[in-house]
Structure formats: C-alpha cells, structure tokens
Amino acid sequence: MNILQSFILGIVQGLTEFIPVSSTAHLILVPWLFNWTLHEPARFVFDVLLQLGTLAAVVAYFWKDLLAIAGAMLGGLARGKLVETTEARLGWLIVVATLPAVVVGLLFKDFFESLHNNPVIVAAILIATAGLLLVSEQMGRQLLADQ
C-alpha cells in the first residue's frame, strides 16, 4: 500500500465512520473499485489502525461523558443500585445493547470474515441497507404526518 492509497482510505474512513453506512465496507470496496492489489496482512493492520484512530478521536471528544458514565456505573454497582442515575442507566443500556452484537459476531465470525473477500456481496449489503434506511425514513415521516 502506498501513501496515496493510505491517504484515500483514511479519507474514506473519516467520511463514512459517523454516518449510517459501514466504513469497513467502504474500506473493502474502494480498493476493489480502483483495482488495487494490497498485501492482505498489511491491509488488515491498516484497517485496524484506522478504526483505532476513529476510536481515539471519539474517546478524546467524549472523555468527560465517558468518565461520568463509567463512574456512575461503578458507583451504582458498589452501592447495589445499578441505574440510580441517568449516566449509570445509559452505561448499562449500552452494555446490554452491545451484548447481542458480540454474541452474533463470535458465533458467525468466519462467515463475516468471508464477506471481506467478496466485494460484490459487500456492495449488495450496502445497497440493501440503504433501502432499509430509505423505507424507515419514509415510514417515520408517514407516522409523523398521521399524528
């Protein structure tokens, strides 16, 4: 991977991470669309580093909120009142909402990893997701209009 490819993938990551699309899928599709030949182990490490960079940016931006949530969760846990504050409740809801993704990810790890080798399937999944987002947006507008 050269500097230009790294730069382009970094821009793609930055542009797609915080909108309701898969930044990882875009990191798969861009090299495929440009017909780049990338060394797979290096590509994997690069993708992980891009994701860690995004995580670092989020933690840096929200560090006060994250500390408040973690402190409230630990304090509530110590007092035997898990959801005594809004911050503690939010923290535990995040934990509970994350568990299904962890379980599915672990159970179907090989399947999801195999998708990384098939950009056509990744593109189809992105298109299907876009369709679901459009339908849900229209349904939401219709529900609001009916009220």
N, C-alpha and C. Protein backbone atom coordinates (compact mmCIF):
# COMPACT_ATOMS: atom_id res chain seq x y z
N MET A 1 0.86 -1.17 0.00
CA MET A 1 0.00 0.00 0.00
C MET A 1 0.91 1.23 0.00
N ASN A 2 0.62 2.16 -0.91
CA ASN A 2 1.44 3.35 -0.97
C ASN A 2 0.78 4.51 -0.21
N ILE A 3 1.46 5.63 -0.17
CA ILE A 3 0.98 6.80 0.60
C ILE A 3 -0.36 7.30 0.06
N LEU A 4 -0.51 7.38 -1.25
CA LEU A 4 -1.76 7.88 -1.84
C LEU A 4 -2.92 6.96 -1.47
N GLN A 5 -2.72 5.65 -1.58
CA GLN A 5 -3.77 4.70 -1.21
C GLN A 5 -4.12 4.83 0.28
N SER A 6 -3.11 4.97 1.10
CA SER A 6 -3.34 5.15 2.54
C SER A 6 -4.13 6.42 2.81
N PHE A 7 -3.76 7.48 2.13
CA PHE A 7 -4.45 8.76 2.29
C PHE A 7 -5.91 8.64 1.88
N ILE A 8 -6.16 8.03 0.73
CA ILE A 8 -7.53 7.88 0.24
C ILE A 8 -8.35 7.04 1.21
N LEU A 9 -7.79 5.93 1.69
CA LEU A 9 -8.53 5.09 2.63
C LEU A 9 -8.78 5.81 3.95
N GLY A 10 -7.83 6.63 4.39
CA GLY A 10 -8.03 7.43 5.60
C GLY A 10 -9.17 8.42 5.44
N ILE A 11 -9.23 9.06 4.27
CA ILE A 11 -10.32 10.00 3.99
C ILE A 11 -11.66 9.25 3.96
N VAL A 12 -11.68 8.10 3.30
CA VAL A 12 -12.91 7.30 3.25
C VAL A 12 -13.37 6.93 4.66
N GLN A 13 -12.45 6.50 5.49
CA GLN A 13 -12.78 6.16 6.88
C GLN A 13 -13.36 7.37 7.60
N GLY A 14 -12.70 8.49 7.48
CA GLY A 14 -13.17 9.69 8.16
C GLY A 14 -14.54 10.16 7.69
N LEU A 15 -14.81 10.02 6.40
CA LEU A 15 -16.09 10.47 5.85
C LEU A 15 -17.24 9.52 6.14
N THR A 16 -16.93 8.24 6.31
CA THR A 16 -18.02 7.26 6.44
C THR A 16 -18.25 6.74 7.86
N GLU A 17 -17.36 7.04 8.78
CA GLU A 17 -17.49 6.46 10.12
C GLU A 17 -18.70 7.01 10.88
N PHE A 18 -19.01 8.26 10.71
CA PHE A 18 -20.03 8.87 11.56
C PHE A 18 -21.36 9.09 10.86
N ILE A 19 -21.57 8.41 9.75
CA ILE A 19 -22.87 8.42 9.08
C ILE A 19 -23.37 6.97 9.05
N PRO A 20 -24.66 6.77 8.83
CA PRO A 20 -25.21 5.40 8.95
C PRO A 20 -24.88 4.50 7.75
N VAL A 21 -23.60 4.38 7.47
CA VAL A 21 -23.11 3.42 6.47
C VAL A 21 -21.91 2.71 7.09
N SER A 22 -21.49 1.65 6.49
CA SER A 22 -20.38 0.89 7.04
C SER A 22 -19.06 1.42 6.51
N SER A 23 -18.26 1.98 7.40
CA SER A 23 -16.94 2.45 6.98
C SER A 23 -16.07 1.26 6.58
N THR A 24 -16.22 0.14 7.27
CA THR A 24 -15.44 -1.06 6.94
C THR A 24 -15.79 -1.54 5.53
N ALA A 25 -17.06 -1.53 5.19
CA ALA A 25 -17.46 -1.94 3.84
C ALA A 25 -16.82 -1.03 2.80
N HIS A 26 -16.79 0.25 3.08
CA HIS A 26 -16.17 1.17 2.13
C HIS A 26 -14.66 0.94 2.01
N LEU A 27 -14.04 0.54 3.11
CA LEU A 27 -12.61 0.21 3.05
C LEU A 27 -12.36 -1.05 2.24
N ILE A 28 -13.37 -1.89 2.09
CA ILE A 28 -13.27 -3.07 1.23
C ILE A 28 -13.54 -2.68 -0.23
N LEU A 29 -14.54 -1.83 -0.44
CA LEU A 29 -14.96 -1.50 -1.80
C LEU A 29 -14.01 -0.57 -2.54
N VAL A 30 -13.43 0.40 -1.86
CA VAL A 30 -12.57 1.36 -2.54
C VAL A 30 -11.37 0.68 -3.22
N PRO A 31 -10.61 -0.17 -2.54
CA PRO A 31 -9.51 -0.84 -3.25
C PRO A 31 -10.00 -1.72 -4.41
N TRP A 32 -11.16 -2.34 -4.22
CA TRP A 32 -11.72 -3.17 -5.27
C TRP A 32 -12.10 -2.32 -6.49
N LEU A 33 -12.75 -1.17 -6.24
CA LEU A 33 -13.16 -0.29 -7.35
C LEU A 33 -11.96 0.26 -8.11
N PHE A 34 -10.89 0.56 -7.40
CA PHE A 34 -9.67 1.10 -8.03
C PHE A 34 -8.71 0.00 -8.49
N ASN A 35 -9.12 -1.26 -8.28
CA ASN A 35 -8.31 -2.41 -8.69
C ASN A 35 -6.91 -2.38 -8.07
N TRP A 36 -6.86 -2.03 -6.79
CA TRP A 36 -5.59 -2.03 -6.07
C TRP A 36 -5.26 -3.44 -5.63
N THR A 37 -4.02 -3.80 -5.74
CA THR A 37 -3.54 -5.07 -5.20
C THR A 37 -2.84 -4.74 -3.88
N LEU A 38 -3.45 -5.18 -2.79
CA LEU A 38 -2.92 -4.85 -1.47
C LEU A 38 -2.50 -6.14 -0.76
N HIS A 39 -1.43 -6.06 -0.03
CA HIS A 39 -0.95 -7.19 0.79
C HIS A 39 -1.93 -7.37 1.93
N GLU A 40 -2.64 -8.50 1.96
CA GLU A 40 -3.75 -8.68 2.91
C GLU A 40 -3.37 -8.50 4.39
N PRO A 41 -2.28 -9.08 4.87
CA PRO A 41 -1.96 -8.84 6.29
C PRO A 41 -1.71 -7.36 6.59
N ALA A 42 -1.05 -6.66 5.68
CA ALA A 42 -0.81 -5.22 5.87
C ALA A 42 -2.12 -4.45 5.80
N ARG A 43 -3.00 -4.85 4.91
CA ARG A 43 -4.31 -4.20 4.78
C ARG A 43 -5.11 -4.36 6.06
N PHE A 44 -5.09 -5.56 6.62
CA PHE A 44 -5.81 -5.81 7.86
C PHE A 44 -5.29 -4.90 8.98
N VAL A 45 -3.98 -4.85 9.12
CA VAL A 45 -3.37 -4.00 10.16
C VAL A 45 -3.73 -2.54 9.92
N PHE A 46 -3.68 -2.10 8.68
CA PHE A 46 -4.02 -0.72 8.35
C PHE A 46 -5.47 -0.41 8.71
N ASP A 47 -6.39 -1.33 8.35
CA ASP A 47 -7.81 -1.13 8.67
C ASP A 47 -8.03 -1.05 10.18
N VAL A 48 -7.35 -1.92 10.92
CA VAL A 48 -7.46 -1.89 12.39
C VAL A 48 -6.96 -0.56 12.93
N LEU A 49 -5.84 -0.09 12.41
CA LEU A 49 -5.29 1.20 12.86
C LEU A 49 -6.23 2.36 12.53
N LEU A 50 -6.87 2.30 11.36
CA LEU A 50 -7.85 3.34 11.03
C LEU A 50 -9.00 3.32 12.03
N GLN A 51 -9.48 2.13 12.36
CA GLN A 51 -10.58 2.02 13.33
C GLN A 51 -10.14 2.50 14.71
N LEU A 52 -8.92 2.17 15.09
CA LEU A 52 -8.40 2.64 16.39
C LEU A 52 -8.26 4.16 16.40
N GLY A 53 -7.87 4.73 15.27
CA GLY A 53 -7.78 6.19 15.18
C GLY A 53 -9.14 6.83 15.38
N THR A 54 -10.17 6.23 14.79
CA THR A 54 -11.53 6.73 14.97
C THR A 54 -11.95 6.61 16.43
N LEU A 55 -11.65 5.46 17.03
CA LEU A 55 -11.97 5.26 18.44
C LEU A 55 -11.26 6.29 19.31
N ALA A 56 -10.01 6.55 19.03
CA ALA A 56 -9.25 7.54 19.80
C ALA A 56 -9.88 8.93 19.68
N ALA A 57 -10.34 9.27 18.48
CA ALA A 57 -10.99 10.57 18.28
C ALA A 57 -12.29 10.66 19.08
N VAL A 58 -13.05 9.59 19.08
CA VAL A 58 -14.32 9.58 19.84
C VAL A 58 -14.05 9.69 21.33
N VAL A 59 -13.08 8.92 21.82
CA VAL A 59 -12.75 8.97 23.25
C VAL A 59 -12.22 10.35 23.62
N ALA A 60 -11.38 10.94 22.78
CA ALA A 60 -10.86 12.28 23.06
C ALA A 60 -11.98 13.31 23.13
N TYR A 61 -12.95 13.19 22.25
CA TYR A 61 -14.05 14.15 22.21
C TYR A 61 -15.02 13.96 23.38
N PHE A 62 -15.32 12.70 23.70
CA PHE A 62 -16.34 12.41 24.71
C PHE A 62 -15.75 11.97 26.05
N TRP A 63 -14.47 12.25 26.32
CA TRP A 63 -13.83 11.69 27.51
C TRP A 63 -14.55 12.08 28.81
N LYS A 64 -15.05 13.29 28.91
CA LYS A 64 -15.75 13.69 30.13
C LYS A 64 -17.03 12.88 30.31
N ASP A 65 -17.77 12.72 29.23
CA ASP A 65 -19.01 11.93 29.29
C ASP A 65 -18.71 10.47 29.61
N LEU A 66 -17.68 9.92 28.98
CA LEU A 66 -17.32 8.52 29.22
C LEU A 66 -16.91 8.30 30.67
N LEU A 67 -16.14 9.23 31.22
CA LEU A 67 -15.75 9.12 32.63
C LEU A 67 -16.97 9.21 33.55
N ALA A 68 -17.89 10.10 33.23
CA ALA A 68 -19.10 10.24 34.05
C ALA A 68 -19.94 8.96 34.00
N ILE A 69 -20.07 8.40 32.81
CA ILE A 69 -20.85 7.16 32.65
C ILE A 69 -20.18 6.01 33.40
N ALA A 70 -18.87 5.84 33.19
CA ALA A 70 -18.15 4.76 33.87
C ALA A 70 -18.19 4.93 35.38
N GLY A 71 -17.99 6.15 35.86
CA GLY A 71 -18.02 6.41 37.29
C GLY A 71 -19.39 6.13 37.89
N ALA A 72 -20.44 6.53 37.16
CA ALA A 72 -21.80 6.29 37.65
C ALA A 72 -22.11 4.79 37.67
N MET A 73 -21.63 4.07 36.67
CA MET A 73 -21.86 2.62 36.63
C MET A 73 -21.15 1.93 37.79
N LEU A 74 -19.89 2.27 38.00
CA LEU A 74 -19.12 1.65 39.08
C LEU A 74 -19.67 2.04 40.44
N GLY A 75 -20.05 3.32 40.60
CA GLY A 75 -20.62 3.77 41.86
C GLY A 75 -21.94 3.08 42.16
N GLY A 76 -22.79 2.97 41.14
CA GLY A 76 -24.06 2.27 41.31
C GLY A 76 -23.87 0.80 41.62
N LEU A 77 -22.89 0.21 40.97
CA LEU A 77 -22.57 -1.20 41.22
C LEU A 77 -22.11 -1.40 42.66
N ALA A 78 -21.27 -0.51 43.15
CA ALA A 78 -20.76 -0.60 44.52
C ALA A 78 -21.88 -0.43 45.55
N ARG A 79 -22.86 0.42 45.23
CA ARG A 79 -23.98 0.66 46.15
C ARG A 79 -25.14 -0.30 45.94
N GLY A 80 -25.03 -1.18 44.94
CA GLY A 80 -26.11 -2.14 44.67
C GLY A 80 -27.30 -1.51 43.99
N LYS A 81 -27.13 -0.34 43.40
CA LYS A 81 -28.20 0.35 42.68
C LYS A 81 -27.68 0.67 41.27
N LEU A 82 -27.84 -0.29 40.36
CA LEU A 82 -27.21 -0.20 39.04
C LEU A 82 -27.63 1.03 38.24
N VAL A 83 -28.89 1.42 38.34
CA VAL A 83 -29.38 2.50 37.48
C VAL A 83 -29.90 3.68 38.29
N GLU A 84 -29.15 4.07 39.30
CA GLU A 84 -29.63 5.15 40.16
C GLU A 84 -29.49 6.52 39.52
N THR A 85 -28.65 6.65 38.48
CA THR A 85 -28.50 7.94 37.78
C THR A 85 -28.72 7.73 36.29
N THR A 86 -28.95 8.83 35.60
CA THR A 86 -29.12 8.78 34.14
C THR A 86 -27.86 8.24 33.47
N GLU A 87 -26.70 8.66 33.97
CA GLU A 87 -25.44 8.21 33.37
C GLU A 87 -25.25 6.70 33.56
N ALA A 88 -25.57 6.20 34.75
CA ALA A 88 -25.44 4.77 35.01
C ALA A 88 -26.41 3.98 34.12
N ARG A 89 -27.63 4.47 34.03
CA ARG A 89 -28.63 3.80 33.19
C ARG A 89 -28.15 3.75 31.75
N LEU A 90 -27.64 4.86 31.24
CA LEU A 90 -27.13 4.90 29.87
C LEU A 90 -25.98 3.90 29.69
N GLY A 91 -25.08 3.85 30.63
CA GLY A 91 -23.95 2.91 30.54
C GLY A 91 -24.41 1.47 30.49
N TRP A 92 -25.34 1.10 31.35
CA TRP A 92 -25.82 -0.28 31.36
C TRP A 92 -26.63 -0.59 30.11
N LEU A 93 -27.38 0.38 29.61
CA LEU A 93 -28.10 0.16 28.36
C LEU A 93 -27.13 -0.06 27.19
N ILE A 94 -26.02 0.66 27.19
CA ILE A 94 -25.00 0.45 26.16
C ILE A 94 -24.43 -0.96 26.27
N VAL A 95 -24.15 -1.40 27.49
CA VAL A 95 -23.62 -2.76 27.69
C VAL A 95 -24.62 -3.79 27.19
N VAL A 96 -25.88 -3.65 27.59
CA VAL A 96 -26.91 -4.62 27.20
C VAL A 96 -27.12 -4.61 25.68
N ALA A 97 -27.09 -3.43 25.07
CA ALA A 97 -27.28 -3.34 23.62
C ALA A 97 -26.09 -3.90 22.85
N THR A 98 -24.92 -3.90 23.44
CA THR A 98 -23.71 -4.40 22.78
C THR A 98 -23.63 -5.92 22.83
N LEU A 99 -24.18 -6.53 23.86
CA LEU A 99 -24.06 -7.98 24.03
C LEU A 99 -24.56 -8.80 22.83
N PRO A 100 -25.73 -8.50 22.25
CA PRO A 100 -26.16 -9.30 21.09
C PRO A 100 -25.17 -9.21 19.92
N ALA A 101 -24.60 -8.05 19.68
CA ALA A 101 -23.62 -7.91 18.60
C ALA A 101 -22.37 -8.74 18.88
N VAL A 102 -21.95 -8.78 20.12
CA VAL A 102 -20.78 -9.58 20.49
C VAL A 102 -21.08 -11.07 20.28
N VAL A 103 -22.24 -11.51 20.73
CA VAL A 103 -22.60 -12.92 20.60
C VAL A 103 -22.70 -13.31 19.12
N VAL A 104 -23.41 -12.52 18.33
CA VAL A 104 -23.55 -12.82 16.90
C VAL A 104 -22.19 -12.77 16.21
N GLY A 105 -21.38 -11.78 16.56
CA GLY A 105 -20.04 -11.67 15.98
C GLY A 105 -19.17 -12.87 16.26
N LEU A 106 -19.24 -13.36 17.49
CA LEU A 106 -18.44 -14.54 17.85
C LEU A 106 -18.97 -15.81 17.20
N LEU A 107 -20.30 -15.95 17.17
CA LEU A 107 -20.88 -17.16 16.59
C LEU A 107 -20.67 -17.25 15.08
N PHE A 108 -20.71 -16.11 14.41
CA PHE A 108 -20.63 -16.10 12.95
C PHE A 108 -19.36 -15.42 12.44
N LYS A 109 -18.31 -15.48 13.25
CA LYS A 109 -17.04 -14.82 12.92
C LYS A 109 -16.52 -15.23 11.55
N ASP A 110 -16.47 -16.52 11.27
CA ASP A 110 -15.94 -16.99 10.00
C ASP A 110 -16.78 -16.49 8.82
N PHE A 111 -18.10 -16.50 8.99
CA PHE A 111 -18.98 -16.02 7.94
C PHE A 111 -18.73 -14.54 7.64
N PHE A 112 -18.67 -13.72 8.69
CA PHE A 112 -18.45 -12.29 8.48
C PHE A 112 -17.07 -12.01 7.89
N GLU A 113 -16.07 -12.76 8.31
CA GLU A 113 -14.74 -12.58 7.75
C GLU A 113 -14.70 -12.98 6.28
N SER A 114 -15.48 -13.99 5.90
CA SER A 114 -15.51 -14.40 4.49
C SER A 114 -16.12 -13.32 3.61
N LEU A 115 -17.00 -12.51 4.16
CA LEU A 115 -17.60 -11.43 3.38
C LEU A 115 -16.55 -10.42 2.93
N HIS A 116 -15.50 -10.25 3.73
CA HIS A 116 -14.45 -9.29 3.37
C HIS A 116 -13.75 -9.67 2.07
N ASN A 117 -13.87 -10.92 1.67
CA ASN A 117 -13.23 -11.38 0.44
C ASN A 117 -14.15 -11.29 -0.76
N ASN A 118 -15.38 -10.79 -0.57
CA ASN A 118 -16.33 -10.71 -1.68
C ASN A 118 -16.95 -9.32 -1.76
N PRO A 119 -16.29 -8.40 -2.46
CA PRO A 119 -16.78 -7.03 -2.54
C PRO A 119 -18.17 -6.90 -3.16
N VAL A 120 -18.55 -7.81 -4.04
CA VAL A 120 -19.88 -7.74 -4.65
C VAL A 120 -20.95 -7.95 -3.58
N ILE A 121 -20.73 -8.90 -2.70
CA ILE A 121 -21.69 -9.13 -1.61
C ILE A 121 -21.70 -7.93 -0.66
N VAL A 122 -20.53 -7.38 -0.37
CA VAL A 122 -20.45 -6.19 0.50
C VAL A 122 -21.25 -5.05 -0.13
N ALA A 123 -21.09 -4.83 -1.43
CA ALA A 123 -21.84 -3.77 -2.12
C ALA A 123 -23.34 -4.04 -2.07
N ALA A 124 -23.73 -5.29 -2.26
CA ALA A 124 -25.16 -5.63 -2.21
C ALA A 124 -25.73 -5.38 -0.82
N ILE A 125 -24.97 -5.71 0.21
CA ILE A 125 -25.42 -5.45 1.58
C ILE A 125 -25.56 -3.96 1.84
N LEU A 126 -24.62 -3.16 1.33
CA LEU A 126 -24.73 -1.70 1.48
C LEU A 126 -25.98 -1.17 0.77
N ILE A 127 -26.26 -1.68 -0.41
CA ILE A 127 -27.45 -1.24 -1.15
C ILE A 127 -28.72 -1.64 -0.40
N ALA A 128 -28.75 -2.87 0.12
CA ALA A 128 -29.91 -3.32 0.91
C ALA A 128 -30.09 -2.45 2.15
N THR A 129 -28.98 -2.12 2.80
CA THR A 129 -29.05 -1.25 3.98
C THR A 129 -29.57 0.12 3.61
N ALA A 130 -29.13 0.65 2.49
CA ALA A 130 -29.64 1.95 2.02
C ALA A 130 -31.14 1.88 1.78
N GLY A 131 -31.59 0.78 1.21
CA GLY A 131 -33.03 0.60 1.00
C GLY A 131 -33.80 0.58 2.31
N LEU A 132 -33.26 -0.14 3.31
CA LEU A 132 -33.91 -0.18 4.62
C LEU A 132 -33.96 1.20 5.27
N LEU A 133 -32.87 1.95 5.13
CA LEU A 133 -32.85 3.31 5.68
C LEU A 133 -33.88 4.20 5.00
N LEU A 134 -33.99 4.09 3.69
CA LEU A 134 -34.99 4.88 2.96
C LEU A 134 -36.41 4.52 3.37
N VAL A 135 -36.68 3.22 3.46
CA VAL A 135 -38.02 2.77 3.85
C VAL A 135 -38.34 3.23 5.27
N SER A 136 -37.40 3.09 6.19
CA SER A 136 -37.67 3.50 7.57
C SER A 136 -37.85 5.02 7.66
N GLU A 137 -37.10 5.76 6.87
CA GLU A 137 -37.26 7.22 6.85
C GLU A 137 -38.66 7.60 6.34
N GLN A 138 -39.10 6.95 5.29
CA GLN A 138 -40.43 7.23 4.75
C GLN A 138 -41.53 6.82 5.73
N MET A 139 -41.36 5.67 6.37
CA MET A 139 -42.34 5.24 7.36
C MET A 139 -42.39 6.21 8.55
N GLY A 140 -41.24 6.69 8.98
CA GLY A 140 -41.20 7.65 10.08
C GLY A 140 -41.90 8.95 9.71
N ARG A 141 -41.65 9.42 8.50
CA ARG A 141 -42.34 10.64 8.04
C ARG A 141 -43.83 10.45 7.97
N GLN A 142 -44.24 9.27 7.49
CA GLN A 142 -45.68 8.98 7.38
C GLN A 142 -46.31 8.92 8.76
N LEU A 143 -45.64 8.30 9.71
CA LEU A 143 -46.17 8.24 11.08
C LEU A 143 -46.32 9.62 11.69
N LEU A 144 -45.31 10.47 11.45
CA LEU A 144 -45.40 11.84 11.97
C LEU A 144 -46.51 12.63 11.28
N ALA A 145 -46.71 12.40 9.99
CA ALA A 145 -47.75 13.12 9.26
C ALA A 145 -49.13 12.68 9.72
N ASP A 146 -49.27 11.41 10.12
CA ASP A 146 -50.56 10.89 10.56
C ASP A 146 -50.96 11.38 11.95
N GLN A 147 -50.01 11.90 12.71
CA GLN A 147 -50.32 12.33 14.08
C GLN A 147 -50.99 13.64 14.13
